[in-house]
């Protein structure tokens, strides 16, 4: 019975991520006003869209949270720091769903932008640390997802810093690439096989040990 429950929780991340992206992109396409608007700004252009996405996002985020806390954390023996990051990520995703970035609602936009900043920051921390810790313990899926996330992050930073007009005109695609890469990384922690090997050479072993201690407390 416990194995069946664990197997169901294992797939909650995939179901939640799929639901999130289908809802987000479907609504964005229906309300499309150009790539210069974010996913949330497209959703916020219609009240019905906001309510629908709010409910779908709540269900999707709950499923993803169950996968993070009840499957990923247990599978990789991750402790309080991971749970704090996962909790921050979950809270941010809930807030993003119910407080879209509305041009005519200053309070909602502030909450949304603050939550989005927290989510984007936590995502970067999780990929950087967990990607390093699990790099050679897993297969090509995690390596590909982590690499794609790095490319997405660097692309966003470089374009925002040096090609801002391009960034502003294509923020929908920049944001989408970042979020897809992050969810792909999360799912890679679910479905990649555990090889139990260390990637670091001897002179990097202390760093690996530090990450292991931090995440397994």
N, C-alpha and C. Protein backbone atom coordinates (compact mmCIF):
# COMPACT_ATOMS: atom_id res chain seq x y z
N UNK A 1 0.82 -1.21 0.00
CA UNK A 1 0.00 0.00 0.00
C UNK A 1 0.86 1.26 0.00
N UNK A 2 1.87 1.29 0.86
CA UNK A 2 2.76 2.44 0.94
C UNK A 2 3.50 2.66 -0.37
N UNK A 3 3.90 1.56 -1.01
CA UNK A 3 4.60 1.67 -2.30
C UNK A 3 3.68 2.26 -3.37
N UNK A 4 2.39 1.88 -3.33
CA UNK A 4 1.44 2.42 -4.30
C UNK A 4 1.23 3.92 -4.10
N UNK A 5 1.12 4.32 -2.82
CA UNK A 5 0.96 5.74 -2.51
C UNK A 5 2.19 6.52 -2.97
N UNK A 6 3.37 5.96 -2.71
CA UNK A 6 4.63 6.61 -3.10
C UNK A 6 4.72 6.72 -4.62
N UNK A 7 4.25 5.70 -5.33
CA UNK A 7 4.28 5.73 -6.79
C UNK A 7 3.34 6.81 -7.32
N UNK A 8 2.18 6.98 -6.68
CA UNK A 8 1.24 8.03 -7.09
C UNK A 8 1.85 9.40 -6.84
N UNK A 9 2.46 9.58 -5.65
CA UNK A 9 3.10 10.86 -5.32
C UNK A 9 4.25 11.15 -6.27
N UNK A 10 4.90 10.13 -6.74
CA UNK A 10 6.01 10.27 -7.69
C UNK A 10 5.55 10.97 -8.96
N UNK A 11 4.35 10.66 -9.40
CA UNK A 11 3.83 11.21 -10.66
C UNK A 11 3.09 12.52 -10.49
N UNK A 12 2.88 12.96 -9.24
CA UNK A 12 2.17 14.21 -9.00
C UNK A 12 2.90 15.41 -9.60
N UNK A 13 4.24 15.37 -9.57
CA UNK A 13 5.02 16.48 -10.13
C UNK A 13 4.78 16.64 -11.61
N UNK A 14 4.76 15.53 -12.34
CA UNK A 14 4.53 15.55 -13.78
C UNK A 14 3.12 16.04 -14.09
N UNK A 15 2.13 15.53 -13.33
CA UNK A 15 0.74 15.94 -13.55
C UNK A 15 0.57 17.43 -13.26
N UNK A 16 1.16 17.88 -12.14
CA UNK A 16 1.04 19.28 -11.76
C UNK A 16 1.71 20.21 -12.76
N UNK A 17 2.94 19.87 -13.17
CA UNK A 17 3.67 20.70 -14.12
C UNK A 17 2.95 20.76 -15.47
N UNK A 18 2.43 19.61 -15.91
CA UNK A 18 1.70 19.57 -17.18
C UNK A 18 0.45 20.45 -17.11
N UNK A 19 -0.29 20.33 -16.00
CA UNK A 19 -1.49 21.14 -15.83
C UNK A 19 -1.19 22.62 -15.80
N UNK A 20 -0.11 22.98 -15.11
CA UNK A 20 0.29 24.38 -15.00
C UNK A 20 0.58 24.97 -16.38
N UNK A 21 1.39 24.28 -17.17
CA UNK A 21 1.80 24.82 -18.47
C UNK A 21 0.67 24.80 -19.49
N UNK A 22 -0.16 23.76 -19.47
CA UNK A 22 -1.31 23.74 -20.39
C UNK A 22 -2.22 24.93 -20.12
N UNK A 23 -2.53 25.14 -18.82
CA UNK A 23 -3.41 26.26 -18.45
C UNK A 23 -2.76 27.60 -18.78
N UNK A 24 -1.50 27.76 -18.40
CA UNK A 24 -0.82 29.05 -18.60
C UNK A 24 -0.70 29.40 -20.08
N UNK A 25 -0.23 28.46 -20.89
CA UNK A 25 -0.02 28.75 -22.31
C UNK A 25 -1.34 28.84 -23.08
N UNK A 26 -2.32 28.02 -22.72
CA UNK A 26 -3.61 28.08 -23.40
C UNK A 26 -4.28 29.43 -23.16
N UNK A 27 -4.26 29.88 -21.91
CA UNK A 27 -4.87 31.18 -21.59
C UNK A 27 -4.08 32.31 -22.23
N UNK A 28 -2.76 32.21 -22.19
CA UNK A 28 -1.93 33.26 -22.79
C UNK A 28 -2.18 33.37 -24.29
N UNK A 29 -2.32 32.24 -24.97
CA UNK A 29 -2.59 32.26 -26.41
C UNK A 29 -3.97 32.85 -26.71
N UNK A 30 -4.97 32.48 -25.88
CA UNK A 30 -6.31 33.02 -26.10
C UNK A 30 -6.36 34.53 -25.87
N UNK A 31 -5.55 35.02 -24.93
CA UNK A 31 -5.53 36.45 -24.60
C UNK A 31 -4.32 37.16 -25.21
N UNK A 32 -3.72 36.58 -26.23
CA UNK A 32 -2.42 37.03 -26.74
C UNK A 32 -2.41 38.51 -27.13
N UNK A 33 -1.42 39.22 -26.57
CA UNK A 33 -1.24 40.64 -26.88
C UNK A 33 0.22 40.96 -27.22
N UNK A 34 0.97 39.93 -27.52
CA UNK A 34 2.36 40.13 -27.92
C UNK A 34 3.35 39.57 -26.93
N UNK A 35 4.56 39.29 -27.43
CA UNK A 35 5.61 38.69 -26.59
C UNK A 35 6.21 39.67 -25.59
N UNK A 36 5.82 40.94 -25.66
CA UNK A 36 6.34 41.93 -24.71
C UNK A 36 5.61 41.87 -23.37
N UNK A 37 4.55 41.04 -23.27
CA UNK A 37 3.85 40.83 -22.01
C UNK A 37 4.23 39.47 -21.44
N UNK A 38 4.29 39.37 -20.12
CA UNK A 38 4.61 38.11 -19.46
C UNK A 38 3.40 37.17 -19.52
N UNK A 39 3.61 35.93 -19.12
CA UNK A 39 2.51 34.97 -19.05
C UNK A 39 1.40 35.52 -18.15
N UNK A 40 1.78 36.02 -16.99
CA UNK A 40 0.80 36.53 -16.03
C UNK A 40 0.04 37.73 -16.56
N UNK A 41 0.71 38.60 -17.29
CA UNK A 41 0.04 39.78 -17.84
C UNK A 41 -1.00 39.40 -18.89
N UNK A 42 -0.73 38.34 -19.65
CA UNK A 42 -1.74 37.84 -20.59
C UNK A 42 -2.93 37.27 -19.82
N UNK A 43 -2.65 36.52 -18.76
CA UNK A 43 -3.72 35.93 -17.96
C UNK A 43 -4.56 37.03 -17.30
N UNK A 44 -3.89 38.09 -16.83
CA UNK A 44 -4.56 39.16 -16.10
C UNK A 44 -5.42 40.05 -16.98
N UNK A 45 -5.37 39.86 -18.29
CA UNK A 45 -6.14 40.72 -19.19
C UNK A 45 -7.61 40.37 -19.20
N UNK A 46 -7.98 39.27 -18.53
CA UNK A 46 -9.39 38.85 -18.50
C UNK A 46 -9.70 38.26 -17.13
N UNK A 47 -10.82 38.72 -16.51
CA UNK A 47 -11.17 38.28 -15.16
C UNK A 47 -11.44 36.78 -15.10
N UNK A 48 -12.17 36.27 -16.08
CA UNK A 48 -12.48 34.84 -16.11
C UNK A 48 -11.19 34.02 -16.20
N UNK A 49 -10.25 34.47 -17.02
CA UNK A 49 -8.96 33.78 -17.15
C UNK A 49 -8.21 33.75 -15.83
N UNK A 50 -8.26 34.86 -15.10
CA UNK A 50 -7.57 34.93 -13.80
C UNK A 50 -8.14 33.91 -12.83
N UNK A 51 -9.46 33.81 -12.77
CA UNK A 51 -10.11 32.88 -11.84
C UNK A 51 -9.80 31.43 -12.23
N UNK A 52 -9.94 31.12 -13.53
CA UNK A 52 -9.66 29.76 -14.00
C UNK A 52 -8.22 29.37 -13.70
N UNK A 53 -7.28 30.27 -14.04
CA UNK A 53 -5.88 29.95 -13.79
C UNK A 53 -5.60 29.85 -12.30
N UNK A 54 -6.23 30.69 -11.50
CA UNK A 54 -6.03 30.64 -10.05
C UNK A 54 -6.36 29.27 -9.49
N UNK A 55 -7.49 28.71 -9.90
CA UNK A 55 -7.89 27.39 -9.41
C UNK A 55 -6.98 26.29 -9.95
N UNK A 56 -6.69 26.32 -11.25
CA UNK A 56 -5.82 25.29 -11.83
C UNK A 56 -4.42 25.35 -11.23
N UNK A 57 -3.91 26.56 -11.07
CA UNK A 57 -2.58 26.72 -10.49
C UNK A 57 -2.52 26.22 -9.05
N UNK A 58 -3.60 26.43 -8.29
CA UNK A 58 -3.64 25.95 -6.91
C UNK A 58 -3.55 24.43 -6.86
N UNK A 59 -4.31 23.76 -7.73
CA UNK A 59 -4.28 22.29 -7.78
C UNK A 59 -2.91 21.81 -8.25
N UNK A 60 -2.39 22.45 -9.32
CA UNK A 60 -1.10 22.04 -9.88
C UNK A 60 0.03 22.24 -8.87
N UNK A 61 0.02 23.38 -8.19
CA UNK A 61 1.07 23.67 -7.20
C UNK A 61 1.00 22.70 -6.02
N UNK A 62 -0.22 22.34 -5.62
CA UNK A 62 -0.39 21.37 -4.52
C UNK A 62 0.19 20.01 -4.90
N UNK A 63 -0.06 19.58 -6.13
CA UNK A 63 0.49 18.31 -6.60
C UNK A 63 2.02 18.35 -6.66
N UNK A 64 2.56 19.45 -7.15
CA UNK A 64 4.01 19.61 -7.23
C UNK A 64 4.62 19.62 -5.83
N UNK A 65 3.95 20.29 -4.88
CA UNK A 65 4.45 20.36 -3.50
C UNK A 65 4.47 18.98 -2.86
N UNK A 66 3.44 18.18 -3.10
CA UNK A 66 3.40 16.82 -2.56
C UNK A 66 4.57 16.01 -3.11
N UNK A 67 4.84 16.17 -4.40
CA UNK A 67 5.97 15.47 -5.01
C UNK A 67 7.30 15.92 -4.40
N UNK A 68 7.45 17.22 -4.19
CA UNK A 68 8.69 17.75 -3.62
C UNK A 68 8.92 17.25 -2.20
N UNK A 69 7.90 17.35 -1.36
CA UNK A 69 8.05 17.02 0.06
C UNK A 69 7.97 15.53 0.34
N UNK A 70 7.07 14.82 -0.35
CA UNK A 70 6.83 13.42 -0.02
C UNK A 70 7.55 12.42 -0.91
N UNK A 71 8.08 12.89 -2.05
CA UNK A 71 8.83 11.96 -2.89
C UNK A 71 10.28 12.37 -3.06
N UNK A 72 10.52 13.55 -3.63
CA UNK A 72 11.89 13.97 -3.90
C UNK A 72 12.72 14.08 -2.62
N UNK A 73 12.15 14.71 -1.59
CA UNK A 73 12.88 14.88 -0.32
C UNK A 73 13.26 13.53 0.28
N UNK A 74 12.34 12.57 0.22
CA UNK A 74 12.61 11.25 0.80
C UNK A 74 13.55 10.43 -0.09
N UNK A 75 13.36 10.54 -1.40
CA UNK A 75 14.20 9.75 -2.30
C UNK A 75 15.67 10.11 -2.16
N UNK A 76 15.98 11.41 -2.10
CA UNK A 76 17.36 11.86 -2.06
C UNK A 76 17.83 12.21 -0.64
N UNK A 77 16.95 11.90 0.35
CA UNK A 77 17.28 12.14 1.77
C UNK A 77 17.67 13.62 2.00
N UNK A 78 16.80 14.51 1.54
CA UNK A 78 17.03 15.95 1.66
C UNK A 78 16.29 16.49 2.88
N UNK A 79 16.97 17.33 3.64
CA UNK A 79 16.43 17.78 4.92
C UNK A 79 15.82 19.17 4.93
N UNK A 80 16.09 19.89 6.03
CA UNK A 80 15.39 21.15 6.30
C UNK A 80 15.65 22.24 5.27
N UNK A 81 16.87 22.35 4.76
CA UNK A 81 17.16 23.41 3.79
C UNK A 81 16.36 23.19 2.51
N UNK A 82 16.30 21.96 2.04
CA UNK A 82 15.51 21.66 0.86
C UNK A 82 14.04 21.97 1.11
N UNK A 83 13.54 21.58 2.29
CA UNK A 83 12.13 21.80 2.60
C UNK A 83 11.82 23.29 2.72
N UNK A 84 12.78 24.08 3.22
CA UNK A 84 12.59 25.52 3.28
C UNK A 84 12.50 26.10 1.87
N UNK A 85 13.41 25.68 0.99
CA UNK A 85 13.39 26.16 -0.39
C UNK A 85 12.11 25.72 -1.11
N UNK A 86 11.73 24.45 -0.90
CA UNK A 86 10.51 23.93 -1.52
C UNK A 86 9.28 24.67 -0.99
N UNK A 87 9.28 24.98 0.30
CA UNK A 87 8.17 25.72 0.89
C UNK A 87 8.07 27.13 0.35
N UNK A 88 9.21 27.79 0.20
CA UNK A 88 9.23 29.14 -0.38
C UNK A 88 8.74 29.12 -1.82
N UNK A 89 9.20 28.12 -2.58
CA UNK A 89 8.78 27.95 -3.97
C UNK A 89 7.27 27.75 -4.05
N UNK A 90 6.75 26.87 -3.20
CA UNK A 90 5.32 26.57 -3.20
C UNK A 90 4.49 27.81 -2.86
N UNK A 91 4.88 28.51 -1.80
CA UNK A 91 4.15 29.73 -1.41
C UNK A 91 4.17 30.76 -2.53
N UNK A 92 5.32 30.91 -3.17
CA UNK A 92 5.44 31.85 -4.28
C UNK A 92 4.54 31.49 -5.44
N UNK A 93 4.45 30.20 -5.76
CA UNK A 93 3.60 29.77 -6.87
C UNK A 93 2.12 29.99 -6.57
N UNK A 94 1.72 29.76 -5.32
CA UNK A 94 0.33 30.04 -4.93
C UNK A 94 0.02 31.53 -5.12
N UNK A 95 0.91 32.38 -4.64
CA UNK A 95 0.70 33.83 -4.75
C UNK A 95 0.67 34.29 -6.20
N UNK A 96 1.55 33.74 -7.02
CA UNK A 96 1.59 34.10 -8.44
C UNK A 96 0.24 33.79 -9.11
N UNK A 97 -0.35 32.65 -8.72
CA UNK A 97 -1.61 32.24 -9.32
C UNK A 97 -2.77 33.14 -8.98
N UNK A 98 -2.83 33.60 -7.73
CA UNK A 98 -3.98 34.39 -7.28
C UNK A 98 -3.75 35.89 -7.33
N UNK A 99 -2.54 36.33 -7.54
CA UNK A 99 -2.24 37.76 -7.65
C UNK A 99 -1.46 38.01 -8.95
N UNK A 100 -2.16 38.05 -10.07
CA UNK A 100 -1.49 38.26 -11.36
C UNK A 100 -0.94 39.68 -11.48
N UNK A 101 -0.10 39.86 -12.47
CA UNK A 101 0.53 41.16 -12.71
C UNK A 101 -0.43 42.04 -13.52
N UNK A 102 -1.28 42.77 -12.80
CA UNK A 102 -2.28 43.63 -13.45
C UNK A 102 -1.78 45.07 -13.55
N UNK A 103 -1.94 45.66 -14.72
CA UNK A 103 -1.49 47.04 -14.92
C UNK A 103 -2.30 48.03 -14.08
N UNK A 104 -3.59 47.72 -13.85
CA UNK A 104 -4.46 48.66 -13.13
C UNK A 104 -4.66 48.29 -11.66
N UNK A 105 -3.86 47.35 -11.16
CA UNK A 105 -3.98 46.94 -9.76
C UNK A 105 -2.58 46.91 -9.16
N UNK A 106 -2.20 48.00 -8.53
CA UNK A 106 -0.83 48.15 -8.04
C UNK A 106 -0.49 47.10 -6.98
N UNK A 107 -1.43 46.85 -6.04
CA UNK A 107 -1.18 45.89 -4.96
C UNK A 107 -0.95 44.48 -5.50
N UNK A 108 -1.81 44.06 -6.43
CA UNK A 108 -1.67 42.72 -7.01
C UNK A 108 -0.34 42.58 -7.75
N UNK A 109 0.05 43.63 -8.47
CA UNK A 109 1.32 43.58 -9.21
C UNK A 109 2.51 43.50 -8.29
N UNK A 110 2.48 44.23 -7.18
CA UNK A 110 3.58 44.19 -6.22
C UNK A 110 3.72 42.81 -5.61
N UNK A 111 2.58 42.23 -5.20
CA UNK A 111 2.61 40.87 -4.62
C UNK A 111 3.12 39.88 -5.66
N UNK A 112 2.63 40.00 -6.88
CA UNK A 112 3.04 39.08 -7.94
C UNK A 112 4.54 39.17 -8.22
N UNK A 113 5.03 40.39 -8.37
CA UNK A 113 6.45 40.58 -8.69
C UNK A 113 7.36 40.10 -7.56
N UNK A 114 6.93 40.33 -6.31
CA UNK A 114 7.71 39.86 -5.16
C UNK A 114 7.74 38.33 -5.11
N UNK A 115 6.57 37.71 -5.34
CA UNK A 115 6.49 36.26 -5.35
C UNK A 115 7.29 35.67 -6.51
N UNK A 116 7.20 36.31 -7.68
CA UNK A 116 7.94 35.84 -8.86
C UNK A 116 9.45 35.93 -8.62
N UNK A 117 9.88 37.01 -7.99
CA UNK A 117 11.31 37.16 -7.68
C UNK A 117 11.78 36.03 -6.75
N UNK A 118 10.95 35.72 -5.74
CA UNK A 118 11.29 34.64 -4.81
C UNK A 118 11.36 33.30 -5.53
N UNK A 119 10.40 33.03 -6.40
CA UNK A 119 10.36 31.77 -7.15
C UNK A 119 11.57 31.65 -8.07
N UNK A 120 11.88 32.71 -8.81
CA UNK A 120 13.00 32.68 -9.74
C UNK A 120 14.33 32.51 -9.01
N UNK A 121 14.45 33.16 -7.84
CA UNK A 121 15.68 33.06 -7.06
C UNK A 121 15.85 31.67 -6.46
N UNK A 122 14.79 31.14 -5.86
CA UNK A 122 14.83 29.80 -5.28
C UNK A 122 15.12 28.77 -6.35
N UNK A 123 14.51 28.93 -7.53
CA UNK A 123 14.76 28.00 -8.63
C UNK A 123 16.24 27.96 -8.97
N UNK A 124 16.88 29.13 -9.05
CA UNK A 124 18.30 29.19 -9.38
C UNK A 124 19.15 28.51 -8.30
N UNK A 125 18.81 28.74 -7.03
CA UNK A 125 19.55 28.13 -5.92
C UNK A 125 19.40 26.61 -5.95
N UNK A 126 18.19 26.14 -6.17
CA UNK A 126 17.94 24.70 -6.18
C UNK A 126 18.69 24.00 -7.30
N UNK A 127 18.64 24.58 -8.49
CA UNK A 127 19.33 23.94 -9.62
C UNK A 127 20.84 23.97 -9.42
N UNK A 128 21.37 25.10 -8.94
CA UNK A 128 22.82 25.22 -8.76
C UNK A 128 23.35 24.22 -7.73
N UNK A 129 22.65 24.09 -6.62
CA UNK A 129 23.15 23.23 -5.54
C UNK A 129 22.77 21.76 -5.75
N UNK A 130 21.51 21.50 -6.03
CA UNK A 130 21.09 20.11 -6.20
C UNK A 130 21.62 19.53 -7.51
N UNK A 131 21.74 20.38 -8.54
CA UNK A 131 22.34 19.91 -9.78
C UNK A 131 23.78 19.48 -9.58
N UNK A 132 24.51 20.25 -8.78
CA UNK A 132 25.90 19.89 -8.46
C UNK A 132 25.96 18.62 -7.62
N UNK A 133 25.10 18.54 -6.61
CA UNK A 133 25.12 17.39 -5.70
C UNK A 133 24.75 16.08 -6.40
N UNK A 134 23.81 16.15 -7.34
CA UNK A 134 23.30 14.92 -7.97
C UNK A 134 23.85 14.68 -9.38
N UNK A 135 24.78 15.55 -9.80
CA UNK A 135 25.22 15.53 -11.20
C UNK A 135 25.58 14.15 -11.71
N UNK A 136 26.47 13.46 -11.03
CA UNK A 136 26.89 12.16 -11.56
C UNK A 136 26.20 10.98 -10.88
N UNK A 137 25.26 11.31 -9.97
CA UNK A 137 24.46 10.23 -9.38
C UNK A 137 23.27 9.89 -10.25
N UNK A 138 23.01 10.74 -11.24
CA UNK A 138 21.86 10.53 -12.12
C UNK A 138 22.31 10.47 -13.57
N UNK A 139 21.35 10.23 -14.46
CA UNK A 139 21.68 10.08 -15.87
C UNK A 139 21.64 11.38 -16.64
N UNK A 140 21.49 11.25 -17.96
CA UNK A 140 21.57 12.40 -18.87
C UNK A 140 20.42 13.39 -18.67
N UNK A 141 19.29 12.92 -18.15
CA UNK A 141 18.11 13.80 -18.02
C UNK A 141 18.40 14.98 -17.10
N UNK A 142 18.99 14.71 -15.94
CA UNK A 142 19.30 15.80 -15.02
C UNK A 142 20.36 16.72 -15.59
N UNK A 143 21.38 16.15 -16.20
CA UNK A 143 22.44 16.98 -16.80
C UNK A 143 21.87 17.90 -17.88
N UNK A 144 20.98 17.34 -18.72
CA UNK A 144 20.38 18.14 -19.80
C UNK A 144 19.50 19.24 -19.23
N UNK A 145 18.67 18.90 -18.24
CA UNK A 145 17.76 19.88 -17.64
C UNK A 145 18.54 20.99 -16.93
N UNK A 146 19.56 20.60 -16.17
CA UNK A 146 20.37 21.59 -15.46
C UNK A 146 21.09 22.51 -16.44
N UNK A 147 21.62 21.93 -17.51
CA UNK A 147 22.32 22.73 -18.52
C UNK A 147 21.36 23.68 -19.23
N UNK A 148 20.15 23.20 -19.54
CA UNK A 148 19.15 24.05 -20.19
C UNK A 148 18.76 25.20 -19.27
N UNK A 149 18.66 24.92 -17.99
CA UNK A 149 18.31 25.98 -17.03
C UNK A 149 19.41 27.03 -16.97
N UNK A 150 20.66 26.60 -16.96
CA UNK A 150 21.78 27.55 -16.95
C UNK A 150 21.75 28.42 -18.19
N UNK A 151 21.50 27.80 -19.35
CA UNK A 151 21.41 28.57 -20.60
C UNK A 151 20.27 29.57 -20.53
N UNK A 152 19.11 29.13 -20.01
CA UNK A 152 17.95 30.01 -19.90
C UNK A 152 18.24 31.18 -18.96
N UNK A 153 18.87 30.89 -17.83
CA UNK A 153 19.19 31.94 -16.87
C UNK A 153 20.18 32.94 -17.43
N UNK A 154 21.24 32.44 -18.05
CA UNK A 154 22.25 33.33 -18.64
C UNK A 154 21.67 34.15 -19.78
N UNK A 155 20.82 33.52 -20.57
CA UNK A 155 20.18 34.23 -21.68
C UNK A 155 19.35 35.41 -21.16
N UNK A 156 18.60 35.15 -20.08
CA UNK A 156 17.80 36.21 -19.49
C UNK A 156 18.65 37.33 -18.92
N UNK A 157 19.70 36.97 -18.20
CA UNK A 157 20.57 37.98 -17.58
C UNK A 157 21.30 38.81 -18.64
N UNK A 158 21.85 38.14 -19.64
CA UNK A 158 22.62 38.83 -20.68
C UNK A 158 21.73 39.76 -21.49
N UNK A 159 20.56 39.26 -21.91
CA UNK A 159 19.68 40.10 -22.72
C UNK A 159 19.12 41.27 -21.91
N UNK A 160 18.78 41.03 -20.63
CA UNK A 160 18.26 42.10 -19.78
C UNK A 160 19.33 43.15 -19.50
N UNK A 161 20.59 42.72 -19.43
CA UNK A 161 21.69 43.63 -19.10
C UNK A 161 22.22 44.40 -20.30
N UNK A 162 22.33 43.74 -21.46
CA UNK A 162 23.00 44.35 -22.61
C UNK A 162 22.11 44.54 -23.84
N UNK A 163 20.98 43.85 -23.89
CA UNK A 163 20.08 43.97 -25.03
C UNK A 163 18.65 44.14 -24.51
N UNK A 164 18.46 45.18 -23.70
CA UNK A 164 17.20 45.30 -22.97
C UNK A 164 15.99 45.42 -23.89
N UNK A 165 16.13 46.09 -25.02
CA UNK A 165 15.00 46.22 -25.93
C UNK A 165 14.54 44.86 -26.42
N UNK A 166 15.50 44.00 -26.77
CA UNK A 166 15.17 42.63 -27.18
C UNK A 166 14.51 41.89 -26.03
N UNK A 167 15.08 42.03 -24.83
CA UNK A 167 14.53 41.36 -23.65
C UNK A 167 13.09 41.80 -23.40
N UNK A 168 12.85 43.12 -23.43
CA UNK A 168 11.52 43.66 -23.17
C UNK A 168 10.51 43.21 -24.23
N UNK A 169 10.95 43.09 -25.46
CA UNK A 169 10.05 42.70 -26.55
C UNK A 169 9.79 41.20 -26.60
N UNK A 170 10.59 40.42 -25.87
CA UNK A 170 10.45 38.96 -25.91
C UNK A 170 10.40 38.35 -24.51
N UNK A 171 9.94 39.11 -23.54
CA UNK A 171 9.96 38.63 -22.15
C UNK A 171 9.09 37.39 -21.96
N UNK A 172 8.04 37.26 -22.76
CA UNK A 172 7.18 36.06 -22.67
C UNK A 172 7.99 34.80 -22.92
N UNK A 173 8.83 34.83 -23.97
CA UNK A 173 9.60 33.64 -24.33
C UNK A 173 10.76 33.41 -23.36
N UNK A 174 11.38 34.48 -22.90
CA UNK A 174 12.48 34.36 -21.93
C UNK A 174 11.97 33.72 -20.64
N UNK A 175 10.84 34.23 -20.14
CA UNK A 175 10.24 33.69 -18.93
C UNK A 175 9.81 32.24 -19.10
N UNK A 176 9.20 31.94 -20.24
CA UNK A 176 8.72 30.58 -20.51
C UNK A 176 9.87 29.58 -20.53
N UNK A 177 10.96 29.94 -21.22
CA UNK A 177 12.14 29.08 -21.30
C UNK A 177 12.68 28.78 -19.91
N UNK A 178 12.74 29.81 -19.06
CA UNK A 178 13.26 29.66 -17.70
C UNK A 178 12.39 28.71 -16.89
N UNK A 179 11.07 28.89 -16.94
CA UNK A 179 10.16 28.07 -16.15
C UNK A 179 10.12 26.62 -16.65
N UNK A 180 10.11 26.44 -17.97
CA UNK A 180 10.11 25.08 -18.52
C UNK A 180 11.38 24.34 -18.12
N UNK A 181 12.52 25.03 -18.20
CA UNK A 181 13.79 24.40 -17.83
C UNK A 181 13.81 24.02 -16.35
N UNK A 182 13.24 24.88 -15.51
CA UNK A 182 13.23 24.57 -14.08
C UNK A 182 12.35 23.36 -13.78
N UNK A 183 11.15 23.34 -14.34
CA UNK A 183 10.27 22.19 -14.09
C UNK A 183 10.86 20.90 -14.67
N UNK A 184 11.57 21.02 -15.77
CA UNK A 184 12.25 19.85 -16.33
C UNK A 184 13.30 19.33 -15.36
N UNK A 185 14.00 20.25 -14.68
CA UNK A 185 15.00 19.85 -13.69
C UNK A 185 14.33 19.14 -12.52
N UNK A 186 13.22 19.69 -12.03
CA UNK A 186 12.50 19.06 -10.92
C UNK A 186 12.07 17.64 -11.31
N UNK A 187 11.54 17.49 -12.50
CA UNK A 187 11.11 16.17 -12.95
C UNK A 187 12.29 15.22 -13.16
N UNK A 188 13.45 15.77 -13.50
CA UNK A 188 14.63 14.92 -13.65
C UNK A 188 15.04 14.33 -12.30
N UNK A 189 14.78 15.05 -11.21
CA UNK A 189 15.06 14.50 -9.87
C UNK A 189 14.08 13.40 -9.50
N UNK A 190 12.94 13.40 -10.17
CA UNK A 190 11.93 12.36 -9.92
C UNK A 190 12.24 11.09 -10.69
N UNK A 191 12.54 11.22 -11.96
CA UNK A 191 12.61 10.05 -12.84
C UNK A 191 14.02 9.56 -13.16
N UNK A 192 15.06 10.33 -12.86
CA UNK A 192 16.42 9.86 -13.14
C UNK A 192 16.79 8.73 -12.18
N UNK A 193 17.55 7.79 -12.67
CA UNK A 193 18.02 6.68 -11.83
C UNK A 193 19.14 7.15 -10.92
N UNK A 194 19.21 6.58 -9.73
CA UNK A 194 20.26 6.91 -8.78
C UNK A 194 21.43 5.95 -8.99
N UNK A 195 22.54 6.50 -9.46
CA UNK A 195 23.73 5.68 -9.71
C UNK A 195 24.64 5.58 -8.50
N UNK A 196 24.45 6.49 -7.54
CA UNK A 196 25.21 6.45 -6.30
C UNK A 196 26.69 6.73 -6.45
N UNK A 197 27.08 7.46 -7.50
CA UNK A 197 28.49 7.75 -7.73
C UNK A 197 28.79 9.22 -7.44
N UNK A 198 30.04 9.49 -7.11
CA UNK A 198 30.47 10.86 -6.89
C UNK A 198 31.11 11.40 -8.15
N UNK A 199 30.76 12.63 -8.52
CA UNK A 199 31.31 13.25 -9.72
C UNK A 199 32.61 13.98 -9.45
N UNK A 200 32.73 14.60 -8.27
CA UNK A 200 33.86 15.48 -8.00
C UNK A 200 35.17 14.72 -7.83
N UNK A 201 36.24 15.36 -8.28
CA UNK A 201 37.57 14.85 -8.02
C UNK A 201 37.94 15.15 -6.58
N UNK A 202 39.06 14.67 -6.14
CA UNK A 202 39.43 14.79 -4.73
C UNK A 202 39.46 16.23 -4.25
N UNK A 203 39.96 17.17 -5.05
CA UNK A 203 40.09 18.53 -4.58
C UNK A 203 38.75 19.27 -4.56
N UNK A 204 37.68 18.63 -5.10
CA UNK A 204 36.34 19.20 -5.00
C UNK A 204 35.47 18.43 -4.00
N UNK A 205 36.03 17.40 -3.41
CA UNK A 205 35.25 16.52 -2.55
C UNK A 205 34.69 17.26 -1.34
N UNK A 206 35.45 18.22 -0.79
CA UNK A 206 34.99 18.95 0.38
C UNK A 206 33.74 19.75 0.08
N UNK A 207 33.66 20.30 -1.15
CA UNK A 207 32.48 21.07 -1.54
C UNK A 207 31.26 20.16 -1.66
N UNK A 208 31.48 18.99 -2.24
CA UNK A 208 30.38 18.02 -2.35
C UNK A 208 29.92 17.60 -0.96
N UNK A 209 30.86 17.36 -0.07
CA UNK A 209 30.51 16.98 1.29
C UNK A 209 29.73 18.08 2.00
N UNK A 210 30.12 19.34 1.75
CA UNK A 210 29.41 20.46 2.35
C UNK A 210 27.96 20.51 1.88
N UNK A 211 27.76 20.38 0.57
CA UNK A 211 26.40 20.38 0.03
C UNK A 211 25.58 19.23 0.60
N UNK A 212 26.22 18.07 0.71
CA UNK A 212 25.53 16.89 1.23
C UNK A 212 25.10 17.12 2.67
N UNK A 213 25.99 17.71 3.47
CA UNK A 213 25.66 17.96 4.87
C UNK A 213 24.53 19.00 5.00
N UNK A 214 24.61 20.04 4.17
CA UNK A 214 23.59 21.10 4.24
C UNK A 214 22.20 20.56 3.89
N UNK A 215 22.14 19.76 2.84
CA UNK A 215 20.84 19.31 2.37
C UNK A 215 20.30 18.10 3.12
N UNK A 216 21.14 17.42 3.88
CA UNK A 216 20.66 16.22 4.55
C UNK A 216 20.47 16.41 6.05
N UNK A 217 20.52 17.64 6.49
CA UNK A 217 20.25 17.92 7.89
C UNK A 217 18.76 17.90 8.17
